[in-house]
PDB file of N, CA and C in Angstrom:
ATOM      1  N   MET A   1      80.796 107.165  76.730  1.00  0.00           N
ATOM      2  CA  MET A   1      81.194 107.013  75.401  1.00  0.00           C
ATOM      3  C   MET A   1      80.603 105.738  74.798  1.00  0.00           C
ATOM      4  N   PRO A   2      79.748 105.853  73.848  1.00  0.00           N
ATOM      5  CA  PRO A   2      79.040 104.606  73.326  1.00  0.00           C
ATOM      6  C   PRO A   2      80.064 103.852  72.586  1.00  0.00           C
ATOM      7  N   SER A   3      79.841 102.538  72.572  1.00  0.00           N
ATOM      8  CA  SER A   3      80.720 101.615  71.828  1.00  0.00           C
ATOM      9  C   SER A   3      80.216 101.510  70.392  1.00  0.00           C
ATOM     10  N   GLN A   4      81.186 101.335  69.509  1.00  0.00           N
ATOM     11  CA  GLN A   4      80.740 101.179  68.051  1.00  0.00           C
ATOM     12  C   GLN A   4      80.306  99.660  67.996  1.00  0.00           C
ATOM     13  N   THR A   5      79.403  99.460  67.071  1.00  0.00           N
ATOM     14  CA  THR A   5      78.888  98.114  66.885  1.00  0.00           C
ATOM     15  C   THR A   5      79.604  97.440  65.604  1.00  0.00           C
ATOM     16  N   PHE A   6      80.114  96.275  65.841  1.00  0.00           N
ATOM     17  CA  PHE A   6      80.781  95.503  64.727  1.00  0.00           C
ATOM     18  C   PHE A   6      80.004  94.259  64.444  1.00  0.00           C
ATOM     19  N   GLN A   7      80.356  93.732  63.280  1.00  0.00           N
ATOM     20  CA  GLN A   7      79.736  92.396  62.814  1.00  0.00           C
ATOM     21  C   GLN A   7      80.786  91.343  62.745  1.00  0.00           C
ATOM     22  N   ILE A   8      80.318  90.113  62.761  1.00  0.00           N
ATOM     23  CA  ILE A   8      81.225  88.928  62.498  1.00  0.00           C
ATOM     24  C   ILE A   8      81.700  89.120  61.127  1.00  0.00           C
ATOM     25  N   GLY A   9      83.049  88.961  60.962  1.00  0.00           N
ATOM     26  CA  GLY A   9      83.690  89.105  59.668  1.00  0.00           C
ATOM     27  C   GLY A   9      84.398  90.367  59.412  1.00  0.00           C
ATOM     28  N   ASP A  10      84.010  91.462  60.332  1.00  0.00           N
ATOM     29  CA  ASP A  10      84.686  92.695  60.143  1.00  0.00           C
ATOM     30  C   ASP A  10      86.115  92.680  60.506  1.00  0.00           C
ATOM     31  N   ILE A  11      86.980  93.499  59.803  1.00  0.00           N
ATOM     32  CA  ILE A  11      88.329  93.489  60.182  1.00  0.00           C
ATOM     33  C   ILE A  11      88.564  94.843  61.060  1.00  0.00           C
ATOM     34  N   VAL A  12      89.108  94.568  62.212  1.00  0.00           N
ATOM     35  CA  VAL A  12      89.334  95.659  63.110  1.00  0.00           C
ATOM     36  C   VAL A  12      90.793  95.687  63.553  1.00  0.00           C
ATOM     37  N   SER A  13      91.121  96.821  64.257  1.00  0.00           N
ATOM     38  CA  SER A  13      92.471  96.897  64.869  1.00  0.00           C
ATOM     39  C   SER A  13      92.347  97.406  66.156  1.00  0.00           C
ATOM     40  N   TRP A  14      93.357  97.155  67.041  1.00  0.00           N
ATOM     41  CA  TRP A  14      93.472  97.608  68.387  1.00  0.00           C
ATOM     42  C   TRP A  14      94.897  97.780  68.838  1.00  0.00           C
ATOM     43  N   ASN A  15      95.097  98.511  69.847  1.00  0.00           N
ATOM     44  CA  ASN A  15      96.433  98.757  70.407  1.00  0.00           C
ATOM     45  C   ASN A  15      96.805  97.755  71.441  1.00  0.00           C
ATOM     46  N   SER A  16      97.894  96.973  71.210  1.00  0.00           N
ATOM     47  CA  SER A  16      98.295  96.044  72.235  1.00  0.00           C
ATOM     48  C   SER A  16      99.675  96.420  72.768  1.00  0.00           C
ATOM     49  N   GLU A  17     100.221  95.636  73.634  1.00  0.00           N
ATOM     50  CA  GLU A  17     101.591  95.897  74.144  1.00  0.00           C
ATOM     51  C   GLU A  17     102.536  95.913  73.017  1.00  0.00           C
ATOM     52  N   ALA A  18     102.346  95.070  71.997  1.00  0.00           N
ATOM     53  CA  ALA A  18     103.262  94.966  70.808  1.00  0.00           C
ATOM     54  C   ALA A  18     102.963  95.940  69.816  1.00  0.00           C
ATOM     55  N   GLY A  19     102.036  96.958  70.069  1.00  0.00           N
ATOM     56  CA  GLY A  19     101.723  97.899  68.890  1.00  0.00           C
ATOM     57  C   GLY A  19     100.231  97.561  68.336  1.00  0.00           C
ATOM     58  N   TYR A  20      99.946  98.187  67.224  1.00  0.00           N
ATOM     59  CA  TYR A  20      98.599  97.929  66.702  1.00  0.00           C
ATOM     60  C   TYR A  20      98.544  96.565  66.000  1.00  0.00           C
ATOM     61  N   VAL A  21      97.451  95.895  66.225  1.00  0.00           N
ATOM     62  CA  VAL A  21      97.217  94.545  65.742  1.00  0.00           C
ATOM     63  C   VAL A  21      95.847  94.620  64.972  1.00  0.00           C
ATOM     64  N   SER A  22      95.842  93.792  63.847  1.00  0.00           N
ATOM     65  CA  SER A  22      94.550  93.738  63.117  1.00  0.00           C
ATOM     66  C   SER A  22      94.092  92.251  63.158  1.00  0.00           C
ATOM     67  N   GLY A  23      92.710  92.203  63.126  1.00  0.00           N
ATOM     68  CA  GLY A  23      92.158  90.800  63.165  1.00  0.00           C
ATOM     69  C   GLY A  23      90.751  90.861  62.629  1.00  0.00           C
ATOM     70  N   ARG A  24      90.236  89.664  62.455  1.00  0.00           N
ATOM     71  CA  ARG A  24      88.812  89.498  61.945  1.00  0.00           C
ATOM     72  C   ARG A  24      87.971  88.974  63.121  1.00  0.00           C
ATOM     73  N   ILE A  25      86.725  89.616  63.279  1.00  0.00           N
ATOM     74  CA  ILE A  25      85.737  89.263  64.330  1.00  0.00           C
ATOM     75  C   ILE A  25      85.190  87.879  63.943  1.00  0.00           C
ATOM     76  N   ARG A  26      85.285  86.949  64.881  1.00  0.00           N
ATOM     77  CA  ARG A  26      84.810  85.595  64.619  1.00  0.00           C
ATOM     78  C   ARG A  26      83.599  85.358  65.551  1.00  0.00           C
ATOM     79  N   ALA A  27      83.339  86.096  66.665  1.00  0.00           N
ATOM     80  CA  ALA A  27      82.153  85.857  67.474  1.00  0.00           C
ATOM     81  C   ALA A  27      81.845  87.060  68.272  1.00  0.00           C
ATOM     82  N   ILE A  28      80.618  87.239  68.632  1.00  0.00           N
ATOM     83  CA  ILE A  28      80.158  88.385  69.522  1.00  0.00           C
ATOM     84  C   ILE A  28      79.557  87.796  70.740  1.00  0.00           C
ATOM     85  N   HIS A  29      80.166  88.100  71.857  1.00  0.00           N
ATOM     86  CA  HIS A  29      79.693  87.513  73.186  1.00  0.00           C
ATOM     87  C   HIS A  29      78.718  88.600  73.800  1.00  0.00           C
ATOM     88  N   THR A  30      77.547  88.242  74.185  1.00  0.00           N
ATOM     89  CA  THR A  30      76.601  89.209  74.905  1.00  0.00           C
ATOM     90  C   THR A  30      76.266  88.724  76.293  1.00  0.00           C
ATOM     91  N   GLU A  31      76.983  87.695  76.829  1.00  0.00           N
ATOM     92  CA  GLU A  31      76.767  87.233  78.182  1.00  0.00           C
ATOM     93  C   GLU A  31      78.046  86.999  78.743  1.00  0.00           C
ATOM     94  N   PRO A  32      78.240  87.114  80.104  1.00  0.00           N
ATOM     95  CA  PRO A  32      79.592  86.727  80.709  1.00  0.00           C
ATOM     96  C   PRO A  32      80.009  85.410  80.258  1.00  0.00           C
ATOM     97  N   PHE A  33      81.317  85.253  80.183  1.00  0.00           N
ATOM     98  CA  PHE A  33      81.904  83.966  79.562  1.00  0.00           C
ATOM     99  C   PHE A  33      83.263  83.770  80.251  1.00  0.00           C
ATOM    100  N   LEU A  34      83.720  82.622  80.381  1.00  0.00           N
ATOM    101  CA  LEU A  34      84.992  82.145  80.900  1.00  0.00           C
ATOM    102  C   LEU A  34      85.999  81.787  79.786  1.00  0.00           C
ATOM    103  N   VAL A  35      87.229  82.204  79.782  1.00  0.00           N
ATOM    104  CA  VAL A  35      88.289  81.817  78.885  1.00  0.00           C
ATOM    105  C   VAL A  35      89.529  81.576  79.674  1.00  0.00           C
ATOM    106  N   ASN A  36      90.050  80.335  79.736  1.00  0.00           N
ATOM    107  CA  ASN A  36      91.224  80.068  80.560  1.00  0.00           C
ATOM    108  C   ASN A  36      91.177  80.496  81.975  1.00  0.00           C
ATOM    109  N   GLY A  37      89.876  80.421  82.589  1.00  0.00           N
ATOM    110  CA  GLY A  37      89.785  80.761  83.977  1.00  0.00           C
ATOM    111  C   GLY A  37      89.537  82.178  84.240  1.00  0.00           C
ATOM    112  N   TYR A  38      89.515  82.969  83.135  1.00  0.00           N
ATOM    113  CA  TYR A  38      89.335  84.462  83.248  1.00  0.00           C
ATOM    114  C   TYR A  38      87.961  84.763  82.886  1.00  0.00           C
ATOM    115  N   GLN A  39      87.152  85.525  83.791  1.00  0.00           N
ATOM    116  CA  GLN A  39      85.852  85.945  83.578  1.00  0.00           C
ATOM    117  C   GLN A  39      85.762  87.105  82.699  1.00  0.00           C
ATOM    118  N   HIS A  40      85.091  87.027  81.534  1.00  0.00           N
ATOM    119  CA  HIS A  40      84.920  88.238  80.690  1.00  0.00           C
ATOM    120  C   HIS A  40      83.515  88.706  80.935  1.00  0.00           C
ATOM    121  N   HIS A  41      83.403  90.047  81.086  1.00  0.00           N
ATOM    122  CA  HIS A  41      82.112  90.666  81.323  1.00  0.00           C
ATOM    123  C   HIS A  41      81.559  91.177  80.014  1.00  0.00           C
ATOM    124  N   ALA A  42      80.426  90.652  79.563  1.00  0.00           N
ATOM    125  CA  ALA A  42      79.737  91.072  78.362  1.00  0.00           C
ATOM    126  C   ALA A  42      78.247  91.082  78.537  1.00  0.00           C
ATOM    127  N   THR A  43      77.623  92.132  77.874  1.00  0.00           N
ATOM    128  CA  THR A  43      76.224  92.158  77.909  1.00  0.00           C
ATOM    129  C   THR A  43      75.745  92.544  76.505  1.00  0.00           C
ATOM    130  N   SER A  44      74.443  92.511  76.304  1.00  0.00           N
ATOM    131  CA  SER A  44      73.967  92.864  74.894  1.00  0.00           C
ATOM    132  C   SER A  44      74.237  94.362  74.692  1.00  0.00           C
ATOM    133  N   GLU A  45      74.305  95.202  75.747  1.00  0.00           N
ATOM    134  CA  GLU A  45      74.572  96.667  75.533  1.00  0.00           C
ATOM    135  C   GLU A  45      76.066  96.868  75.337  1.00  0.00           C
ATOM    136  N   HIS A  46      76.905  96.023  76.010  1.00  0.00           N
ATOM    137  CA  HIS A  46      78.370  96.196  75.967  1.00  0.00           C
ATOM    138  C   HIS A  46      78.981  94.732  75.590  1.00  0.00           C
ATOM    139  N   PRO A  47      78.896  94.332  74.371  1.00  0.00           N
ATOM    140  CA  PRO A  47      79.397  92.972  74.042  1.00  0.00           C
ATOM    141  C   PRO A  47      80.963  92.980  73.994  1.00  0.00           C
ATOM    142  N   GLN A  48      81.474  91.748  74.035  1.00  0.00           N
ATOM    143  CA  GLN A  48      82.859  91.481  73.876  1.00  0.00           C
ATOM    144  C   GLN A  48      83.021  90.782  72.579  1.00  0.00           C
ATOM    145  N   TYR A  49      84.019  91.222  71.835  1.00  0.00           N
ATOM    146  CA  TYR A  49      84.274  90.650  70.476  1.00  0.00           C
ATOM    147  C   TYR A  49      85.447  89.735  70.557  1.00  0.00           C
ATOM    148  N   GLU A  50      85.203  88.597  69.867  1.00  0.00           N
ATOM    149  CA  GLU A  50      86.267  87.509  69.851  1.00  0.00           C
ATOM    150  C   GLU A  50      86.923  87.697  68.404  1.00  0.00           C
ATOM    151  N   ILE A  51      88.287  87.995  68.485  1.00  0.00           N
ATOM    152  CA  ILE A  51      88.959  88.381  67.290  1.00  0.00           C
ATOM    153  C   ILE A  51      90.062  87.566  66.970  1.00  0.00           C
ATOM    154  N   GLU A  52      90.344  87.006  65.746  1.00  0.00           N
ATOM    155  CA  GLU A  52      91.453  86.279  65.364  1.00  0.00           C
ATOM    156  C   GLU A  52      92.534  87.151  64.690  1.00  0.00           C
ATOM    157  N   SER A  53      93.702  87.215  65.215  1.00  0.00           N
ATOM    158  CA  SER A  53      94.790  88.117  64.644  1.00  0.00           C
ATOM    159  C   SER A  53      95.023  87.556  63.202  1.00  0.00           C
ATOM    160  N   LEU A  54      95.155  88.578  62.324  1.00  0.00           N
ATOM    161  CA  LEU A  54      95.442  88.221  60.894  1.00  0.00           C
ATOM    162  C   LEU A  54      96.900  87.746  60.657  1.00  0.00           C
ATOM    163  N   LYS A  55      97.795  88.177  61.610  1.00  0.00           N
ATOM    164  CA  LYS A  55      99.221  87.808  61.509  1.00  0.00           C
ATOM    165  C   LYS A  55      99.495  86.539  62.132  1.00  0.00           C
ATOM    166  N   THR A  56      98.986  86.328  63.455  1.00  0.00           N
ATOM    167  CA  THR A  56      99.483  85.171  64.291  1.00  0.00           C
ATOM    168  C   THR A  56      98.348  84.237  64.491  1.00  0.00           C
ATOM    169  N   SER A  57      97.121  84.428  64.152  1.00  0.00           N
ATOM    170  CA  SER A  57      95.911  83.640  64.442  1.00  0.00           C
ATOM    171  C   SER A  57      95.532  83.465  65.864  1.00  0.00           C
ATOM    172  N   HIS A  58      96.290  84.376  66.821  1.00  0.00           N
ATOM    173  CA  HIS A  58      95.989  84.376  68.212  1.00  0.00           C
ATOM    174  C   HIS A  58      94.599  84.914  68.369  1.00  0.00           C
ATOM    175  N   ILE A  59      93.860  84.401  69.368  1.00  0.00           N
ATOM    176  CA  ILE A  59      92.511  84.814  69.602  1.00  0.00           C
ATOM    177  C   ILE A  59      92.546  85.919  70.764  1.00  0.00           C
ATOM    178  N   ALA A  60      91.833  86.993  70.647  1.00  0.00           N
ATOM    179  CA  ALA A  60      91.758  88.043  71.608  1.00  0.00           C
ATOM    180  C   ALA A  60      90.321  88.338  71.841  1.00  0.00           C
ATOM    181  N   PHE A  61      90.069  88.987  72.995  1.00  0.00           N
ATOM    182  CA  PHE A  61      88.686  89.371  73.399  1.00  0.00           C
ATOM    183  C   PHE A  61      88.772  90.845  73.738  1.00  0.00           C
ATOM    184  N   HIS A  62      87.930  91.648  73.106  1.00  0.00           N
ATOM    185  CA  HIS A  62      87.969  93.120  73.455  1.00  0.00           C
ATOM    186  C   HIS A  62      86.577  93.725  73.355  1.00  0.00           C
ATOM    187  N   LYS A  63      86.306  94.840  74.095  1.00  0.00           N
ATOM    188  CA  LYS A  63      85.190  95.534  74.055  1.00  0.00           C
ATOM    189  C   LYS A  63      85.213  96.490  72.821  1.00  0.00           C
ATOM    190  N   GLY A  64      84.104  96.870  72.370  1.00  0.00           N
ATOM    191  CA  GLY A  64      84.020  97.745  71.146  1.00  0.00           C
ATOM    192  C   GLY A  64      84.732  98.995  71.260  1.00  0.00           C
ATOM    193  N   THR A  65      84.931  99.569  72.459  1.00  0.00           N
ATOM    194  CA  THR A  65      85.626 100.813  72.649  1.00  0.00           C
ATOM    195  C   THR A  65      87.060 100.744  72.421  1.00  0.00           C
ATOM    196  N   ALA A  66      87.627  99.521  72.419  1.00  0.00           N
ATOM    197  CA  ALA A  66      89.016  99.279  72.211  1.00  0.00           C
ATOM    198  C   ALA A  66      89.320  99.052  70.654  1.00  0.00           C
ATOM    199  N   LEU A  67      88.271  98.988  69.858  1.00  0.00           N
ATOM    200  CA  LEU A  67      88.382  98.540  68.481  1.00  0.00           C
ATOM    201  C   LEU A  67      88.171  99.646  67.439  1.00  0.00           C
ATOM    202  N   THR A  68      88.778  99.619  66.363  1.00  0.00           N
ATOM    203  CA  THR A  68      88.680 100.539  65.222  1.00  0.00           C
ATOM    204  C   THR A  68      88.472  99.700  63.931  1.00  0.00           C
ATOM    205  N   LEU A  69      87.379 100.017  63.239  1.00  0.00           N
ATOM    206  CA  LEU A  69      87.006  99.337  61.999  1.00  0.00           C
ATOM    207  C   LEU A  69      88.193  99.641  60.988  1.00  0.00           C
ATOM    208  N   VAL A  70      88.663  98.614  60.299  1.00  0.00           N
ATOM    209  CA  VAL A  70      89.661  98.735  59.192  1.00  0.00           C
ATOM    210  C   VAL A  70      88.898  98.757  57.881  1.00  0.00           C
ATOM    211  N   GLU A  71      89.040  99.858  57.219  1.00  0.00           N
ATOM    212  CA  GLU A  71      88.331  99.951  55.843  1.00  0.00           C
ATOM    213  C   GLU A  71      88.950  99.253  54.785  1.00  0.00           C
TER     214      GLU A  71
END
């Protein structure tokens, strides 16, 4: 299943333990990277999106397959 491509500034939503969350994409990672000691796997074909929650300002990292564009 191909991943949808998103751009910086897009508003997206995803399903979390607390229900659906919405946020704005602030960065797109195309190489593996570390956050708080956790290795995130990202490539140009399968990037990871850095997203800031609109409600709490929490930063999350997700693959495109987990995200839905909010119109």
